[in-house]
Amino acid sequence: MLRTLFLVGLMAMSGVFLLQVAFGLFGWFVALMLWLLGLALEILIVGACVYFVIQIVSPSTAKRITDSFSGSSGS
């Protein structure tokens, strides 16, 4: 029982140490990936808003856009 507790504690401490090393060495990479994720989400939100407006203003154009991305033949 005591041995199990020590092993769990050792694994937890080694995990924290490895996370510190990983973020210390690759912190810039993680920051870059998070920034790119934020940029992709912004583009997704703007694109969805534009598509929503097109769908209200011109439903046939919205259907053509949907068909071009889904690969179905529009006719």
C-alpha atoms as a PDB file:
ATOM      1  CA  MET A   1       0.000   0.000   0.000  1.00  0.00           C
ATOM      2  CA  LEU A   2       2.736   2.447   0.952  1.00  0.00           C
ATOM      3  CA  ARG A   3       4.750   1.388  -2.087  1.00  0.00           C
ATOM      4  CA  THR A   4       1.764   2.163  -4.348  1.00  0.00           C
ATOM      5  CA  LEU A   5       1.409   5.627  -2.832  1.00  0.00           C
ATOM      6  CA  PHE A   6       5.088   6.337  -3.372  1.00  0.00           C
ATOM      7  CA  LEU A   7       4.871   5.158  -6.995  1.00  0.00           C
ATOM      8  CA  VAL A   8       1.825   7.351  -7.684  1.00  0.00           C
ATOM      9  CA  GLY A   9       3.625  10.330  -6.153  1.00  0.00           C
ATOM     10  CA  LEU A  10       6.763   9.585  -8.166  1.00  0.00           C
ATOM     11  CA  MET A  11       4.760   9.345 -11.402  1.00  0.00           C
ATOM     12  CA  ALA A  12       2.967  12.614 -10.642  1.00  0.00           C
ATOM     13  CA  MET A  13       6.248  14.427  -9.925  1.00  0.00           C
ATOM     14  CA  SER A  14       7.884  13.024 -13.057  1.00  0.00           C
ATOM     15  CA  GLY A  15       4.851  14.083 -15.103  1.00  0.00           C
ATOM     16  CA  VAL A  16       5.077  17.638 -13.758  1.00  0.00           C
ATOM     17  CA  PHE A  17       8.802  17.689 -14.485  1.00  0.00           C
ATOM     18  CA  LEU A  18       8.277  16.457 -18.048  1.00  0.00           C
ATOM     19  CA  LEU A  19       5.564  19.064 -18.627  1.00  0.00           C
ATOM     20  CA  GLN A  20       7.923  21.795 -17.425  1.00  0.00           C
ATOM     21  CA  VAL A  21      10.632  20.541 -19.774  1.00  0.00           C
ATOM     22  CA  ALA A  22       8.224  20.215 -22.705  1.00  0.00           C
ATOM     23  CA  PHE A  23       6.754  23.694 -22.278  1.00  0.00           C
ATOM     24  CA  GLY A  24      10.188  25.133 -21.592  1.00  0.00           C
ATOM     25  CA  LEU A  25      11.616  23.732 -24.814  1.00  0.00           C
ATOM     26  CA  PHE A  26       8.512  23.903 -26.978  1.00  0.00           C
ATOM     27  CA  GLY A  27       6.674  26.805 -25.384  1.00  0.00           C
ATOM     28  CA  TRP A  28       6.977  28.920 -28.511  1.00  0.00           C
ATOM     29  CA  PHE A  29       5.544  26.052 -30.559  1.00  0.00           C
ATOM     30  CA  VAL A  30       2.562  25.646 -28.240  1.00  0.00           C
ATOM     31  CA  ALA A  31       1.965  29.407 -28.319  1.00  0.00           C
ATOM     32  CA  LEU A  32       2.129  29.404 -32.115  1.00  0.00           C
ATOM     33  CA  MET A  33      -0.353  26.519 -32.354  1.00  0.00           C
ATOM     34  CA  LEU A  34      -2.775  28.240 -29.964  1.00  0.00           C
ATOM     35  CA  TRP A  35      -2.491  31.482 -31.955  1.00  0.00           C
ATOM     36  CA  LEU A  36      -3.191  29.604 -35.197  1.00  0.00           C
ATOM     37  CA  LEU A  37      -6.156  27.878 -33.570  1.00  0.00           C
ATOM     38  CA  GLY A  38      -7.565  31.272 -32.557  1.00  0.00           C
ATOM     39  CA  LEU A  39      -7.046  32.610 -36.069  1.00  0.00           C
ATOM     40  CA  ALA A  40      -8.794  29.580 -37.566  1.00  0.00           C
ATOM     41  CA  LEU A  41     -11.746  30.043 -35.216  1.00  0.00           C
ATOM     42  CA  GLU A  42     -12.043  33.710 -36.191  1.00  0.00           C
ATOM     43  CA  ILE A  43     -12.022  32.797 -39.887  1.00  0.00           C
ATOM     44  CA  LEU A  44     -14.630  30.096 -39.237  1.00  0.00           C
ATOM     45  CA  ILE A  45     -16.935  32.520 -37.436  1.00  0.00           C
ATOM     46  CA  VAL A  46     -16.613  35.191 -40.152  1.00  0.00           C
ATOM     47  CA  GLY A  47     -17.201  32.603 -42.895  1.00  0.00           C
ATOM     48  CA  ALA A  48     -20.277  31.260 -41.117  1.00  0.00           C
ATOM     49  CA  CYS A  49     -21.676  34.785 -40.769  1.00  0.00           C
ATOM     50  CA  VAL A  50     -21.059  35.522 -44.453  1.00  0.00           C
ATOM     51  CA  TYR A  51     -22.673  32.216 -45.459  1.00  0.00           C
ATOM     52  CA  PHE A  52     -25.667  32.951 -43.225  1.00  0.00           C
ATOM     53  CA  VAL A  53     -26.154  36.354 -44.876  1.00  0.00           C
ATOM     54  CA  ILE A  54     -25.826  34.795 -48.356  1.00  0.00           C
ATOM     55  CA  GLN A  55     -28.347  32.139 -47.376  1.00  0.00           C
ATOM     56  CA  ILE A  56     -30.870  34.822 -46.410  1.00  0.00           C
ATOM     57  CA  VAL A  57     -30.208  37.117 -49.390  1.00  0.00           C
ATOM     58  CA  SER A  58     -29.755  34.512 -52.129  1.00  0.00           C
ATOM     59  CA  PRO A  59     -30.682  30.912 -51.274  1.00  0.00           C
ATOM     60  CA  SER A  60     -29.716  29.627 -54.739  1.00  0.00           C
ATOM     61  CA  THR A  61     -26.177  30.971 -54.345  1.00  0.00           C
ATOM     62  CA  ALA A  62     -25.948  29.369 -50.901  1.00  0.00           C
ATOM     63  CA  LYS A  63     -27.042  26.042 -52.424  1.00  0.00           C
ATOM     64  CA  ARG A  64     -24.365  26.340 -55.126  1.00  0.00           C
ATOM     65  CA  ILE A  65     -21.732  27.030 -52.454  1.00  0.00           C
ATOM     66  CA  THR A  66     -22.904  24.028 -50.438  1.00  0.00           C
ATOM     67  CA  ASP A  67     -22.929  21.811 -53.532  1.00  0.00           C
ATOM     68  CA  SER A  68     -19.430  22.898 -54.549  1.00  0.00           C
ATOM     69  CA  PHE A  69     -18.039  21.914 -51.144  1.00  0.00           C
ATOM     70  CA  SER A  70     -20.070  18.724 -50.754  1.00  0.00           C
ATOM     71  CA  GLY A  71     -19.163  17.471 -54.229  1.00  0.00           C
ATOM     72  CA  SER A  72     -22.704  16.734 -55.336  1.00  0.00           C
ATOM     73  CA  SER A  73     -23.723  17.689 -58.834  1.00  0.00           C
ATOM     74  CA  GLY A  74     -26.132  20.662 -58.574  1.00  0.00           C
ATOM     75  CA  SER A  75     -28.409  19.419 -61.387  1.00  0.00           C
END
